[in-house]
Amino acid sequence: MKNPKTIKMLQELGAFILAGAKGAADVKRMCEMIQSERGWRWVGVYKFSRGDLVILAGTGDEPPCYPQFPATQGLCGAAVESRETIVVDDVRNDLRYLPTFHSTLSEIVVPVISKSERVVGVITAESEKVKAFSKEDREVLERVAMLMGRAFK
């Protein structure tokens, strides 16, 4: 990663998390920091709770179509199960996709794994463009997920 803006955003995000950011308002601020730097349409964080994924925070004022759903469903559920990043270049061609917004064409989902190796949630980004996510985008979100995971036991 050579983009100075991206490096600065990751440093600021890491400092914010290490300073004790935890609640929904703090997570919303993190999502907005990521969205602002990367230029994606929507960034959200879902927490894993009692077998469901529940929206903790997302960018903008419009709520996603599915603010809560079983962790066995959707691309987010697939990321929880596989414990791997999932990038879908065109969601219209992936039957696992649960629409967050009807204009979404591509999505990336990264599991957030705690220090104790439990999946505690996912961070997801969506775009209105096909093939919107690059290798660098994936690296950025994986670093963000790692930073978030360190905040959990």
Protein backbone atom coordinates (compact mmCIF):
# COMPACT_ATOMS: atom_id res chain seq x y z
CA MET A 1 0.00 0.00 0.00
CA LYS A 2 1.64 3.18 -1.18
CA ASN A 3 -1.24 5.66 -1.17
CA PRO A 4 -0.42 8.23 1.56
CA LYS A 5 -4.13 9.00 2.12
CA THR A 6 -4.86 5.33 2.73
CA ILE A 7 -1.92 4.93 5.10
CA LYS A 8 -3.01 8.05 7.01
CA MET A 9 -6.62 6.76 7.25
CA LEU A 10 -5.41 3.39 8.58
CA GLN A 11 -3.20 5.13 11.16
CA GLU A 12 -6.07 7.36 12.30
CA LEU A 13 -8.46 4.42 12.43
CA GLY A 14 -5.98 2.35 14.44
CA ALA A 15 -5.44 5.19 16.91
CA PHE A 16 -9.21 5.68 17.22
CA ILE A 17 -9.76 1.96 17.94
CA LEU A 18 -6.85 1.78 20.40
CA ALA A 19 -8.23 4.84 22.19
CA GLY A 20 -11.29 2.75 23.08
CA ALA A 21 -13.78 3.19 20.22
CA LYS A 22 -16.53 0.64 20.71
CA GLY A 23 -20.15 1.86 20.49
CA ALA A 24 -22.37 2.27 17.44
CA ALA A 25 -21.53 5.97 17.06
CA ASP A 26 -17.80 5.15 17.05
CA VAL A 27 -18.29 2.34 14.54
CA LYS A 28 -20.33 4.66 12.31
CA ARG A 29 -17.46 7.15 12.42
CA MET A 30 -15.02 4.38 11.40
CA CYS A 31 -17.27 3.40 8.48
CA GLU A 32 -17.43 7.03 7.37
CA MET A 33 -13.64 7.37 7.57
CA ILE A 34 -13.24 4.32 5.30
CA GLN A 35 -15.96 5.41 2.87
CA SER A 36 -14.55 8.91 2.61
CA GLU A 37 -11.04 7.70 1.81
CA ARG A 38 -11.99 4.83 -0.54
CA GLY A 39 -14.98 6.43 -2.28
CA TRP A 40 -17.36 3.47 -1.98
CA ARG A 41 -21.11 4.02 -1.84
CA TRP A 42 -21.71 2.20 1.46
CA VAL A 43 -19.63 0.71 4.27
CA GLY A 44 -21.19 -1.17 7.17
CA VAL A 45 -20.29 -3.31 10.16
CA TYR A 46 -22.44 -6.20 11.35
CA LYS A 47 -21.88 -7.87 14.70
CA PHE A 48 -22.31 -11.59 15.22
CA SER A 49 -24.88 -12.14 17.96
CA ARG A 50 -26.70 -15.36 18.90
CA GLY A 51 -26.49 -16.85 15.43
CA ASP A 52 -27.50 -13.66 13.63
CA LEU A 53 -25.66 -10.81 11.96
CA VAL A 54 -27.01 -7.49 13.23
CA ILE A 55 -26.11 -4.10 11.77
CA LEU A 56 -24.00 -2.15 14.23
CA ALA A 57 -23.44 0.87 12.01
CA GLY A 58 -23.22 1.95 8.40
CA THR A 59 -22.62 5.06 6.38
CA GLY A 60 -25.44 7.38 5.42
CA ASP A 61 -28.94 7.64 6.80
CA GLU A 62 -30.66 4.92 4.78
CA PRO A 63 -30.81 1.58 6.64
CA PRO A 64 -29.92 -1.63 4.77
CA CYS A 65 -32.78 -3.87 3.55
CA TYR A 66 -31.72 -6.56 6.05
CA PRO A 67 -30.59 -4.97 9.33
CA GLN A 68 -30.58 -8.46 10.91
CA PHE A 69 -30.43 -11.92 9.35
CA PRO A 70 -29.23 -15.44 10.18
CA ALA A 71 -25.42 -15.74 10.01
CA THR A 72 -25.89 -18.67 7.63
CA GLN A 73 -27.28 -16.40 4.88
CA GLY A 74 -25.87 -13.96 2.37
CA LEU A 75 -22.33 -13.06 1.48
CA CYS A 76 -21.79 -11.91 5.06
CA GLY A 77 -22.80 -15.36 6.32
CA ALA A 78 -20.44 -16.98 3.82
CA ALA A 79 -17.58 -14.82 5.14
CA VAL A 80 -18.43 -15.80 8.73
CA GLU A 81 -18.50 -19.50 7.84
CA SER A 82 -15.32 -19.51 5.75
CA ARG A 83 -13.49 -16.95 7.92
CA GLU A 84 -12.22 -15.56 4.59
CA THR A 85 -12.71 -12.36 2.64
CA ILE A 86 -15.34 -12.61 -0.09
CA VAL A 87 -15.25 -10.34 -3.14
CA VAL A 88 -18.11 -10.49 -5.61
CA ASP A 89 -17.56 -8.54 -8.82
CA ASP A 90 -21.24 -8.70 -9.84
CA VAL A 91 -23.79 -9.59 -7.16
CA ARG A 92 -26.43 -10.29 -9.83
CA ASN A 93 -24.49 -13.49 -10.57
CA ASP A 94 -24.18 -14.73 -6.96
CA LEU A 95 -27.22 -16.44 -5.45
CA ARG A 96 -25.88 -15.85 -1.93
CA TYR A 97 -26.33 -12.09 -2.22
CA LEU A 98 -28.90 -10.51 0.11
CA PRO A 99 -29.58 -6.99 -1.14
CA THR A 100 -28.49 -4.23 1.16
CA PHE A 101 -29.42 -1.62 -1.41
CA HIS A 102 -31.03 -2.44 -4.74
CA SER A 103 -28.45 -0.44 -6.72
CA THR A 104 -25.50 -2.52 -5.46
CA LEU A 105 -23.53 -4.30 -8.17
CA SER A 106 -20.39 -5.42 -6.30
CA GLU A 107 -19.58 -6.20 -2.68
CA ILE A 108 -16.65 -7.12 -0.47
CA VAL A 109 -17.09 -8.73 2.95
CA VAL A 110 -14.30 -9.28 5.48
CA PRO A 111 -14.77 -11.25 8.72
CA VAL A 112 -13.71 -9.50 11.93
CA ILE A 113 -11.88 -12.04 14.10
CA SER A 114 -11.16 -11.37 17.77
CA LYS A 115 -7.90 -11.95 19.63
CA SER A 116 -9.42 -15.20 20.89
CA GLU A 117 -9.95 -16.28 17.24
CA ARG A 118 -13.76 -15.94 17.30
CA VAL A 119 -15.61 -14.32 14.39
CA VAL A 120 -17.28 -11.34 16.07
CA GLY A 121 -18.68 -9.68 12.96
CA VAL A 122 -18.03 -8.53 9.42
CA ILE A 123 -17.16 -5.31 7.68
CA THR A 124 -18.70 -4.91 4.25
CA ALA A 125 -18.50 -2.38 1.45
CA GLU A 126 -20.77 -2.02 -1.55
CA SER A 127 -20.52 -0.24 -4.86
CA GLU A 128 -22.87 0.65 -7.70
CA LYS A 129 -20.09 -0.39 -10.11
CA VAL A 130 -19.27 -3.89 -11.38
CA LYS A 131 -15.76 -5.08 -10.39
CA ALA A 132 -15.37 -2.11 -8.04
CA PHE A 133 -12.92 -3.67 -5.59
CA SER A 134 -9.19 -3.93 -6.24
CA LYS A 135 -6.50 -5.96 -4.50
CA GLU A 136 -5.60 -2.81 -2.53
CA ASP A 137 -9.24 -2.37 -1.46
CA ARG A 138 -9.18 -5.92 -0.11
CA GLU A 139 -5.90 -5.29 1.75
CA VAL A 140 -7.30 -2.08 3.27
CA LEU A 141 -10.48 -3.74 4.56
CA GLU A 142 -8.55 -6.75 5.86
CA ARG A 143 -6.29 -4.38 7.84
CA VAL A 144 -9.34 -2.54 9.17
CA ALA A 145 -10.92 -5.86 10.21
CA MET A 146 -7.69 -6.87 11.95
CA LEU A 147 -7.64 -3.56 13.85
CA MET A 148 -11.29 -3.98 14.83
CA GLY A 149 -10.68 -7.57 15.92
CA ARG A 150 -7.96 -6.44 18.32
CA ALA A 151 -10.57 -4.43 20.21
CA PHE A 152 -12.39 -7.67 21.14
CA LYS A 153 -11.22 -10.45 23.46
